[in-house]
Each structure stands twice: as structure tokens, then as C-alpha cells.
Amino acid sequence: MNTGSQASSQNPLILITGGSRGVGAATARLAAAHGYDVAITYVSRESDALAVVADVEASGRRALAVRADSADPEQVAQLFGKIDKTFGRIDVLVNNAAILARQSRLEDLGFERMQRIFAVNALGPILCAQQAVKRMSHRYQGRGGSVINISSGAARLGSPNEYIDYAASKGALETFTTGFAKEVARDGIRVNCVRPGHIYTEMHASGGEPGRVDRVKDAIPMGRGGQPEEVARAILWLASEEASYITGTFLDVTGGR
């Protein structure tokens, strides 16, 4: 991992929380190909995070992996301090880190599970955005930037009998997206949201059904699950100047569902 210096990097910097696997890792690799330096966070998968770093550096870009729980305000503050020291800038924040727990009906959900899911999936992005706005906003002499929150088709569908706490936490993230986008629209910051549908990632194993995408794919109008790279392309488009007049918008990457 590069240590960098206090000087601002020439390349734009993208921070992707939860960047060691799945959509986050795919976004990191594609961002490097698009000319970004890349910072990612992880909680437990250090070897996977270092593999992403190696791929980014192989593309000729600078990379940093930081162990940080985005639901912990102190760890979030330390994360952004490391980004300041290493890159001296942040241009794009992708709030991707999220968790779900085993499939369950409401009456069987434990309170600690609910608290943790909301802490990571809803409060975490708010904490990260709070730090990002202090660096991006014209109010703080920032150069502007882009925040992309990663929600889920579950926020619209509700995930009954499976993950209604997860779906509710993503609904909270979507409401935050709307309010935050309006709050900083004149400060040079665009805030948008991507809603992935059924994507082939390891996350489904956390819910107890690794093959979930294949089980439900016939209900998807396109007849297949999505790949992490397909979500990554949507994220990077929203981050780019091609989306310069787009804020407060929700982009479904769901195969039509």
C-alpha cells in the first residue's frame, strides 16, 4: 500500500466503503481503469482487500486499503484522516458497505441484529458523507464532488420473509439520499443512489442462501442475475461528468425487476 504525501494527488480519488469483494471490488478495479486513485475500506477480509489494492496498482494508480467499520464515528474520522495524508483530496464517495443476516420473518428478528444492520447500512453512509462534505463542499473551499449511495431493489420490494430489516435500512438510506442531495446541490456536490437487484455476489451466503440469484432469476424480466461489473459501470457513470446535471436520482440496476 502506498503511503503518499500531504500534497494533493493529480488523479481524482474515489473512496469505496466495503471494497474488498462484490460490487465494491468491481467498482474499485473499474475506477482504476477510468483513471482514479482508489481507497477502499474493509472490516475482516484483509487478503481480499490487498488483492484489490494490487490490481489497482497494476493499473498504474495509487491505492489504499483501510480497516474501518463505517458504523463507528471514530474509525470513520481516522479513515478520512488517512485519506487526507495519503492523497490530499477526495472526489467521489461510494457508500457501498452493507450487511444482511440470515433470512427470517419479522417475529424472529433479534434486536441486536436490527441495530447492527441499521448502524452499518444507514448510519454508516451518513457518517461517511458527513466527513466527505467537509472536504468536497465549496463552503469549506472544496472542489466539489460526488456521493453515490448503494441501496438495493429491496428498498422498493420490502424483502418479506427474508430481510425486511435490511430492506428498511436501505429505505432509510434512500430518504437520506434525497435530503442530502438537496442540501448540498449548490455546494458543488452531486448525490445519487444506485439500486442493484439480484447480483451474483457472496453477500447471499450471509443470508444463508448462496444460490438465491439462480432461484429467483426467472422472475427477473431479463431472465438472469446481474454481475458486479454491471453495477460498477452505473456507479462510475453517475460519478462522471457525463452525469453533471444529475443529483437526487435513483438508478435501478435490476434487470427490469
C-alpha atoms as a PDB file:
ATOM      1  CA  MET A   1       0.000   0.000   0.000  1.00  0.00           C
ATOM      2  CA  ASN A   2       1.294   3.431  -0.871  1.00  0.00           C
ATOM      3  CA  THR A   3       1.824   5.936   1.898  1.00  0.00           C
ATOM      4  CA  GLY A   4       1.795   9.022  -0.305  1.00  0.00           C
ATOM      5  CA  SER A   5       2.350  12.551   0.955  1.00  0.00           C
ATOM      6  CA  GLN A   6       0.480  15.648   2.074  1.00  0.00           C
ATOM      7  CA  ALA A   7       0.493  17.015  -1.475  1.00  0.00           C
ATOM      8  CA  SER A   8      -2.736  16.722  -3.441  1.00  0.00           C
ATOM      9  CA  SER A   9      -2.661  13.930  -5.980  1.00  0.00           C
ATOM     10  CA  GLN A  10      -3.131  14.778  -9.655  1.00  0.00           C
ATOM     11  CA  ASN A  11      -5.590  11.931 -10.142  1.00  0.00           C
ATOM     12  CA  PRO A  12      -9.117  12.076  -8.749  1.00  0.00           C
ATOM     13  CA  LEU A  13      -9.627   9.934  -5.650  1.00  0.00           C
ATOM     14  CA  ILE A  14     -12.559   7.585  -5.168  1.00  0.00           C
ATOM     15  CA  LEU A  15     -13.340   6.082  -1.755  1.00  0.00           C
ATOM     16  CA  ILE A  16     -15.384   2.882  -1.800  1.00  0.00           C
ATOM     17  CA  THR A  17     -16.552   1.517   1.530  1.00  0.00           C
ATOM     18  CA  GLY A  18     -16.800  -2.250   1.636  1.00  0.00           C
ATOM     19  CA  GLY A  19     -14.391  -2.522  -1.277  1.00  0.00           C
ATOM     20  CA  SER A  20     -12.866  -5.948  -0.718  1.00  0.00           C
ATOM     21  CA  ARG A  21     -15.458  -8.026  -2.576  1.00  0.00           C
ATOM     22  CA  GLY A  22     -18.512  -7.982  -4.795  1.00  0.00           C
ATOM     23  CA  VAL A  23     -19.752  -4.675  -6.176  1.00  0.00           C
ATOM     24  CA  GLY A  24     -17.214  -2.690  -4.162  1.00  0.00           C
ATOM     25  CA  ALA A  25     -14.226  -4.595  -5.529  1.00  0.00           C
ATOM     26  CA  ALA A  26     -15.570  -4.438  -9.086  1.00  0.00           C
ATOM     27  CA  THR A  27     -16.043  -0.681  -8.721  1.00  0.00           C
ATOM     28  CA  ALA A  28     -12.509  -0.249  -7.403  1.00  0.00           C
ATOM     29  CA  ARG A  29     -10.972  -2.119 -10.330  1.00  0.00           C
ATOM     30  CA  LEU A  30     -13.073  -0.301 -12.915  1.00  0.00           C
ATOM     31  CA  ALA A  31     -12.377   3.070 -11.284  1.00  0.00           C
ATOM     32  CA  ALA A  32      -8.639   2.465 -11.626  1.00  0.00           C
ATOM     33  CA  ALA A  33      -9.155   1.713 -15.319  1.00  0.00           C
ATOM     34  CA  HIS A  34     -11.011   5.048 -15.567  1.00  0.00           C
ATOM     35  CA  GLY A  35      -8.078   6.977 -14.106  1.00  0.00           C
ATOM     36  CA  TYR A  36      -8.960   7.177 -10.422  1.00  0.00           C
ATOM     37  CA  ASP A  37      -6.696   6.607  -7.469  1.00  0.00           C
ATOM     38  CA  VAL A  38      -8.629   4.288  -5.170  1.00  0.00           C
ATOM     39  CA  ALA A  39      -9.183   3.970  -1.436  1.00  0.00           C
ATOM     40  CA  ILE A  40     -11.262   1.111  -0.060  1.00  0.00           C
ATOM     41  CA  THR A  41     -12.392   0.023   3.369  1.00  0.00           C
ATOM     42  CA  TYR A  42     -12.820  -3.470   4.724  1.00  0.00           C
ATOM     43  CA  VAL A  43     -13.654  -4.970   8.097  1.00  0.00           C
ATOM     44  CA  SER A  44     -12.358  -8.548   8.062  1.00  0.00           C
ATOM     45  CA  ARG A  45     -11.236  -9.545   4.560  1.00  0.00           C
ATOM     46  CA  GLU A  46      -7.711  -8.147   4.570  1.00  0.00           C
ATOM     47  CA  SER A  47      -6.315 -10.554   1.958  1.00  0.00           C
ATOM     48  CA  ASP A  48      -9.176  -9.733  -0.431  1.00  0.00           C
ATOM     49  CA  ALA A  49      -8.651  -6.006   0.173  1.00  0.00           C
ATOM     50  CA  LEU A  50      -4.930  -6.310  -0.543  1.00  0.00           C
ATOM     51  CA  ALA A  51      -5.706  -8.180  -3.761  1.00  0.00           C
ATOM     52  CA  VAL A  52      -7.873  -5.244  -4.886  1.00  0.00           C
ATOM     53  CA  VAL A  53      -5.055  -2.844  -3.984  1.00  0.00           C
ATOM     54  CA  ALA A  54      -2.605  -4.918  -6.043  1.00  0.00           C
ATOM     55  CA  ASP A  55      -4.934  -4.834  -9.060  1.00  0.00           C
ATOM     56  CA  VAL A  56      -5.375  -1.064  -8.793  1.00  0.00           C
ATOM     57  CA  GLU A  57      -1.632  -0.543  -8.546  1.00  0.00           C
ATOM     58  CA  ALA A  58      -1.110  -2.865 -11.523  1.00  0.00           C
ATOM     59  CA  SER A  59      -3.283  -0.389 -13.473  1.00  0.00           C
ATOM     60  CA  GLY A  60      -0.791   2.340 -12.635  1.00  0.00           C
ATOM     61  CA  ARG A  61      -2.914   4.031  -9.978  1.00  0.00           C
ATOM     62  CA  ARG A  62      -2.356   4.618  -6.290  1.00  0.00           C
ATOM     63  CA  ALA A  63      -4.321   2.536  -3.821  1.00  0.00           C
ATOM     64  CA  LEU A  64      -5.033   2.392  -0.104  1.00  0.00           C
ATOM     65  CA  ALA A  65      -6.949  -0.194   1.916  1.00  0.00           C
ATOM     66  CA  VAL A  66      -8.069   0.804   5.417  1.00  0.00           C
ATOM     67  CA  ARG A  67      -9.635  -1.437   8.018  1.00  0.00           C
ATOM     68  CA  ALA A  68     -12.606   0.629   9.168  1.00  0.00           C
ATOM     69  CA  ASP A  69     -16.092  -0.066  10.456  1.00  0.00           C
ATOM     70  CA  SER A  70     -18.171   2.654   8.810  1.00  0.00           C
ATOM     71  CA  ALA A  71     -20.709   2.493  11.653  1.00  0.00           C
ATOM     72  CA  ASP A  72     -18.065   3.732  14.138  1.00  0.00           C
ATOM     73  CA  PRO A  73     -17.620   7.537  14.096  1.00  0.00           C
ATOM     74  CA  GLU A  74     -14.032   7.364  15.385  1.00  0.00           C
ATOM     75  CA  GLN A  75     -12.980   4.840  12.761  1.00  0.00           C
ATOM     76  CA  VAL A  76     -14.634   6.929  10.038  1.00  0.00           C
ATOM     77  CA  ALA A  77     -12.769  10.039  11.202  1.00  0.00           C
ATOM     78  CA  GLN A  78      -9.485   8.104  11.214  1.00  0.00           C
ATOM     79  CA  LEU A  79     -10.240   6.759   7.723  1.00  0.00           C
ATOM     80  CA  PHE A  80     -10.661  10.243   6.295  1.00  0.00           C
ATOM     81  CA  GLY A  81      -7.535  11.401   8.123  1.00  0.00           C
ATOM     82  CA  LYS A  82      -5.570   8.668   6.351  1.00  0.00           C
ATOM     83  CA  ILE A  83      -7.044   9.725   3.003  1.00  0.00           C
ATOM     84  CA  ASP A  84      -6.035  13.345   3.711  1.00  0.00           C
ATOM     85  CA  LYS A  85      -2.491  12.274   4.487  1.00  0.00           C
ATOM     86  CA  THR A  86      -2.125   9.833   1.589  1.00  0.00           C
ATOM     87  CA  PHE A  87      -3.951  11.613  -1.239  1.00  0.00           C
ATOM     88  CA  GLY A  88      -4.779  15.124  -0.050  1.00  0.00           C
ATOM     89  CA  ARG A  89      -8.159  15.006  -1.790  1.00  0.00           C
ATOM     90  CA  ILE A  90     -11.412  13.099  -2.226  1.00  0.00           C
ATOM     91  CA  ASP A  91     -13.593  13.443  -5.303  1.00  0.00           C
ATOM     92  CA  VAL A  92     -16.043  10.543  -5.119  1.00  0.00           C
ATOM     93  CA  LEU A  93     -17.512   8.679  -2.147  1.00  0.00           C
ATOM     94  CA  VAL A  94     -19.269   5.374  -2.821  1.00  0.00           C
ATOM     95  CA  ASN A  95     -21.217   4.269   0.252  1.00  0.00           C
ATOM     96  CA  ASN A  96     -21.219   0.580  -0.562  1.00  0.00           C
ATOM     97  CA  ALA A  97     -20.543  -1.174   2.768  1.00  0.00           C
ATOM     98  CA  ALA A  98     -23.599  -3.118   3.900  1.00  0.00           C
ATOM     99  CA  ILE A  99     -24.577  -6.256   5.753  1.00  0.00           C
ATOM    100  CA  LEU A 100     -27.527  -8.578   5.926  1.00  0.00           C
ATOM    101  CA  ALA A 101     -28.270 -11.501   8.212  1.00  0.00           C
ATOM    102  CA  ARG A 102     -29.946 -14.852   7.764  1.00  0.00           C
ATOM    103  CA  GLN A 103     -33.354 -14.970   6.124  1.00  0.00           C
ATOM    104  CA  SER A 104     -36.055 -14.606   8.733  1.00  0.00           C
ATOM    105  CA  ARG A 105     -39.582 -13.394   9.361  1.00  0.00           C
ATOM    106  CA  LEU A 106     -40.061 -10.257  11.442  1.00  0.00           C
ATOM    107  CA  GLU A 107     -41.137 -12.018  14.638  1.00  0.00           C
ATOM    108  CA  ASP A 108     -37.848 -13.919  14.779  1.00  0.00           C
ATOM    109  CA  LEU A 109     -35.525 -10.924  14.328  1.00  0.00           C
ATOM    110  CA  GLY A 110     -33.301 -10.111  17.286  1.00  0.00           C
ATOM    111  CA  PHE A 111     -32.881  -6.519  18.445  1.00  0.00           C
ATOM    112  CA  GLU A 112     -29.076  -6.597  18.245  1.00  0.00           C
ATOM    113  CA  ARG A 113     -29.322  -7.761  14.635  1.00  0.00           C
ATOM    114  CA  MET A 114     -31.654  -4.863  13.793  1.00  0.00           C
ATOM    115  CA  GLN A 115     -29.362  -2.347  15.486  1.00  0.00           C
ATOM    116  CA  ARG A 116     -26.258  -3.592  13.675  1.00  0.00           C
ATOM    117  CA  ILE A 117     -27.944  -3.643  10.261  1.00  0.00           C
ATOM    118  CA  PHE A 118     -29.179  -0.075  10.658  1.00  0.00           C
ATOM    119  CA  ALA A 119     -25.824   1.044  12.061  1.00  0.00           C
ATOM    120  CA  VAL A 120     -23.881  -0.236   9.054  1.00  0.00           C
ATOM    121  CA  ASN A 121     -26.418   0.247   6.258  1.00  0.00           C
ATOM    122  CA  ALA A 122     -27.992   3.585   7.234  1.00  0.00           C
ATOM    123  CA  LEU A 123     -25.837   5.376   9.812  1.00  0.00           C
ATOM    124  CA  GLY A 124     -22.531   4.372   8.211  1.00  0.00           C
ATOM    125  CA  PRO A 125     -23.213   6.182   4.935  1.00  0.00           C
ATOM    126  CA  ILE A 126     -24.359   9.264   6.849  1.00  0.00           C
ATOM    127  CA  LEU A 127     -21.156   9.302   8.911  1.00  0.00           C
ATOM    128  CA  CYS A 128     -19.008   8.927   5.791  1.00  0.00           C
ATOM    129  CA  ALA A 129     -20.955  11.615   3.922  1.00  0.00           C
ATOM    130  CA  GLN A 130     -20.528  13.934   6.893  1.00  0.00           C
ATOM    131  CA  GLN A 131     -16.752  13.647   6.589  1.00  0.00           C
ATOM    132  CA  ALA A 132     -16.810  13.873   2.793  1.00  0.00           C
ATOM    133  CA  VAL A 133     -18.876  17.055   2.702  1.00  0.00           C
ATOM    134  CA  LYS A 134     -16.299  18.848   4.868  1.00  0.00           C
ATOM    135  CA  ARG A 135     -13.705  18.110   2.193  1.00  0.00           C
ATOM    136  CA  MET A 136     -15.758  18.414  -1.002  1.00  0.00           C
ATOM    137  CA  SER A 137     -18.080  21.326  -0.350  1.00  0.00           C
ATOM    138  CA  HIS A 138     -17.486  24.803  -1.746  1.00  0.00           C
ATOM    139  CA  ARG A 139     -18.492  26.011   1.727  1.00  0.00           C
ATOM    140  CA  TYR A 140     -15.245  24.519   3.002  1.00  0.00           C
ATOM    141  CA  GLN A 141     -13.164  25.601  -0.007  1.00  0.00           C
ATOM    142  CA  GLY A 142     -13.519  22.147  -1.543  1.00  0.00           C
ATOM    143  CA  ARG A 143     -13.529  21.474  -5.288  1.00  0.00           C
ATOM    144  CA  GLY A 144     -16.902  19.723  -5.232  1.00  0.00           C
ATOM    145  CA  GLY A 145     -17.520  16.040  -5.661  1.00  0.00           C
ATOM    146  CA  SER A 146     -19.941  13.185  -5.995  1.00  0.00           C
ATOM    147  CA  VAL A 147     -21.524  10.852  -3.435  1.00  0.00           C
ATOM    148  CA  ILE A 148     -23.139   7.626  -4.591  1.00  0.00           C
ATOM    149  CA  ASN A 149     -25.148   5.609  -2.110  1.00  0.00           C
ATOM    150  CA  ILE A 150     -25.661   1.933  -2.862  1.00  0.00           C
ATOM    151  CA  SER A 151     -29.176   0.910  -1.937  1.00  0.00           C
ATOM    152  CA  SER A 152     -30.990  -2.220  -3.115  1.00  0.00           C
ATOM    153  CA  GLY A 153     -34.072  -3.235  -5.016  1.00  0.00           C
ATOM    154  CA  ALA A 154     -35.136  -4.492  -1.583  1.00  0.00           C
ATOM    155  CA  ALA A 155     -35.910  -0.894  -0.586  1.00  0.00           C
ATOM    156  CA  ARG A 156     -38.760  -0.924  -3.121  1.00  0.00           C
ATOM    157  CA  LEU A 157     -39.809  -4.567  -2.765  1.00  0.00           C
ATOM    158  CA  GLY A 158     -39.520  -4.904   1.028  1.00  0.00           C
ATOM    159  CA  SER A 159     -37.936  -8.396   1.155  1.00  0.00           C
ATOM    160  CA  PRO A 160     -40.827 -10.066   3.015  1.00  0.00           C
ATOM    161  CA  ASN A 161     -39.987 -13.341   4.778  1.00  0.00           C
ATOM    162  CA  GLU A 162     -36.300 -12.761   4.156  1.00  0.00           C
ATOM    163  CA  TYR A 163     -34.676  -9.440   5.086  1.00  0.00           C
ATOM    164  CA  ILE A 164     -37.214  -6.785   5.978  1.00  0.00           C
ATOM    165  CA  ASP A 165     -34.762  -5.167   8.393  1.00  0.00           C
ATOM    166  CA  TYR A 166     -32.191  -4.928   5.600  1.00  0.00           C
ATOM    167  CA  ALA A 167     -34.828  -3.537   3.223  1.00  0.00           C
ATOM    168  CA  ALA A 168     -35.918  -0.967   5.810  1.00  0.00           C
ATOM    169  CA  SER A 169     -32.315   0.148   6.372  1.00  0.00           C
ATOM    170  CA  LYS A 170     -31.919   0.690   2.627  1.00  0.00           C
ATOM    171  CA  GLY A 171     -35.162   2.671   2.606  1.00  0.00           C
ATOM    172  CA  ALA A 172     -33.621   4.952   5.221  1.00  0.00           C
ATOM    173  CA  LEU A 173     -30.541   5.341   3.028  1.00  0.00           C
ATOM    174  CA  GLU A 174     -32.740   6.382   0.106  1.00  0.00           C
ATOM    175  CA  THR A 175     -34.505   9.063   2.147  1.00  0.00           C
ATOM    176  CA  PHE A 176     -31.097  10.322   3.264  1.00  0.00           C
ATOM    177  CA  THR A 177     -30.029  10.449  -0.395  1.00  0.00           C
ATOM    178  CA  THR A 178     -32.946  12.727  -1.250  1.00  0.00           C
ATOM    179  CA  GLY A 179     -32.397  15.137   1.620  1.00  0.00           C
ATOM    180  CA  PHE A 180     -28.616  15.270   1.353  1.00  0.00           C
ATOM    181  CA  ALA A 181     -28.751  15.836  -2.419  1.00  0.00           C
ATOM    182  CA  LYS A 182     -30.923  18.909  -1.934  1.00  0.00           C
ATOM    183  CA  GLU A 183     -28.831  20.175   0.960  1.00  0.00           C
ATOM    184  CA  VAL A 184     -25.532  20.248  -0.946  1.00  0.00           C
ATOM    185  CA  ALA A 185     -26.724  20.818  -4.519  1.00  0.00           C
ATOM    186  CA  ARG A 186     -25.380  24.394  -4.529  1.00  0.00           C
ATOM    187  CA  ASP A 187     -22.150  23.400  -2.798  1.00  0.00           C
ATOM    188  CA  GLY A 188     -20.713  21.545  -5.788  1.00  0.00           C
ATOM    189  CA  ILE A 189     -21.702  18.067  -4.611  1.00  0.00           C
ATOM    190  CA  ARG A 190     -23.957  15.690  -6.501  1.00  0.00           C
ATOM    191  CA  VAL A 191     -25.625  12.904  -4.513  1.00  0.00           C
ATOM    192  CA  ASN A 192     -27.195   9.930  -6.248  1.00  0.00           C
ATOM    193  CA  CYS A 193     -28.212   6.375  -5.489  1.00  0.00           C
ATOM    194  CA  VAL A 194     -27.823   3.057  -7.297  1.00  0.00           C
ATOM    195  CA  ARG A 195     -30.261   0.235  -6.588  1.00  0.00           C
ATOM    196  CA  PRO A 196     -28.758  -3.119  -7.556  1.00  0.00           C
ATOM    197  CA  GLY A 197     -31.132  -6.014  -7.978  1.00  0.00           C
ATOM    198  CA  HIS A 198     -30.150  -9.666  -7.808  1.00  0.00           C
ATOM    199  CA  ILE A 199     -26.405  -9.613  -8.368  1.00  0.00           C
ATOM    200  CA  TYR A 200     -24.010 -12.547  -8.209  1.00  0.00           C
ATOM    201  CA  THR A 201     -22.000 -11.723  -5.072  1.00  0.00           C
ATOM    202  CA  GLU A 202     -21.007 -13.560  -1.906  1.00  0.00           C
ATOM    203  CA  MET A 203     -23.471 -11.479   0.101  1.00  0.00           C
ATOM    204  CA  HIS A 204     -26.239 -14.020  -0.458  1.00  0.00           C
ATOM    205  CA  ALA A 205     -24.263 -16.581   1.529  1.00  0.00           C
ATOM    206  CA  SER A 206     -24.540 -14.227   4.533  1.00  0.00           C
ATOM    207  CA  GLY A 207     -28.291 -14.631   4.278  1.00  0.00           C
ATOM    208  CA  GLY A 208     -27.983 -18.398   4.277  1.00  0.00           C
ATOM    209  CA  GLU A 209     -28.772 -18.984   0.596  1.00  0.00           C
ATOM    210  CA  PRO A 210     -25.687 -18.738  -1.656  1.00  0.00           C
ATOM    211  CA  GLY A 211     -27.747 -19.739  -4.707  1.00  0.00           C
ATOM    212  CA  ARG A 212     -30.508 -17.178  -4.201  1.00  0.00           C
ATOM    213  CA  VAL A 213     -29.945 -15.360  -7.501  1.00  0.00           C
ATOM    214  CA  ASP A 214     -30.397 -18.541  -9.521  1.00  0.00           C
ATOM    215  CA  ARG A 215     -33.567 -19.358  -7.553  1.00  0.00           C
ATOM    216  CA  VAL A 216     -35.232 -16.052  -8.397  1.00  0.00           C
ATOM    217  CA  LYS A 217     -33.793 -15.287 -11.832  1.00  0.00           C
ATOM    218  CA  ASP A 218     -36.874 -16.492 -13.731  1.00  0.00           C
ATOM    219  CA  ALA A 219     -38.839 -13.693 -12.039  1.00  0.00           C
ATOM    220  CA  ILE A 220     -36.436 -11.094 -13.459  1.00  0.00           C
ATOM    221  CA  PRO A 221     -37.657  -9.719 -16.816  1.00  0.00           C
ATOM    222  CA  MET A 222     -34.191 -10.131 -18.354  1.00  0.00           C
ATOM    223  CA  GLY A 223     -34.143 -13.727 -17.132  1.00  0.00           C
ATOM    224  CA  ARG A 224     -30.757 -13.580 -15.402  1.00  0.00           C
ATOM    225  CA  GLY A 225     -28.911 -12.211 -12.421  1.00  0.00           C
ATOM    226  CA  GLY A 226     -26.531  -9.306 -12.765  1.00  0.00           C
ATOM    227  CA  GLN A 227     -22.751  -9.166 -12.492  1.00  0.00           C
ATOM    228  CA  PRO A 228     -20.922  -6.821 -10.083  1.00  0.00           C
ATOM    229  CA  GLU A 229     -19.242  -5.109 -13.043  1.00  0.00           C
ATOM    230  CA  GLU A 230     -22.649  -4.099 -14.402  1.00  0.00           C
ATOM    231  CA  VAL A 231     -23.373  -2.244 -11.165  1.00  0.00           C
ATOM    232  CA  ALA A 232     -19.871  -0.748 -11.162  1.00  0.00           C
ATOM    233  CA  ARG A 233     -20.440   0.774 -14.598  1.00  0.00           C
ATOM    234  CA  ALA A 234     -23.591   2.521 -13.355  1.00  0.00           C
ATOM    235  CA  ILE A 235     -21.752   3.858 -10.305  1.00  0.00           C
ATOM    236  CA  LEU A 236     -18.884   5.265 -12.325  1.00  0.00           C
ATOM    237  CA  TRP A 237     -21.219   6.829 -14.857  1.00  0.00           C
ATOM    238  CA  LEU A 238     -23.025   8.698 -12.082  1.00  0.00           C
ATOM    239  CA  ALA A 239     -19.651   9.785 -10.700  1.00  0.00           C
ATOM    240  CA  SER A 240     -18.515  11.116 -14.075  1.00  0.00           C
ATOM    241  CA  GLU A 241     -19.009  14.431 -15.805  1.00  0.00           C
ATOM    242  CA  GLU A 242     -21.404  12.653 -18.152  1.00  0.00           C
ATOM    243  CA  ALA A 243     -23.880  12.874 -15.250  1.00  0.00           C
ATOM    244  CA  SER A 244     -23.051  16.504 -14.432  1.00  0.00           C
ATOM    245  CA  TYR A 245     -26.699  17.668 -14.182  1.00  0.00           C
ATOM    246  CA  ILE A 246     -27.934  14.650 -12.240  1.00  0.00           C
ATOM    247  CA  THR A 247     -28.460  14.746  -8.483  1.00  0.00           C
ATOM    248  CA  GLY A 248     -31.023  13.224  -6.133  1.00  0.00           C
ATOM    249  CA  THR A 249     -31.629  10.459  -8.671  1.00  0.00           C
ATOM    250  CA  PHE A 250     -32.114   6.707  -8.225  1.00  0.00           C
ATOM    251  CA  LEU A 251     -30.751   4.354 -10.866  1.00  0.00           C
ATOM    252  CA  ASP A 252     -32.101   0.798 -10.853  1.00  0.00           C
ATOM    253  CA  VAL A 253     -29.683  -1.896 -11.997  1.00  0.00           C
ATOM    254  CA  THR A 254     -32.150  -4.726 -11.635  1.00  0.00           C
ATOM    255  CA  GLY A 255     -32.698  -6.392 -14.993  1.00  0.00           C
ATOM    256  CA  GLY A 256     -36.141  -4.782 -15.104  1.00  0.00           C
ATOM    257  CA  ARG A 257     -37.497  -6.024 -11.805  1.00  0.00           C
END
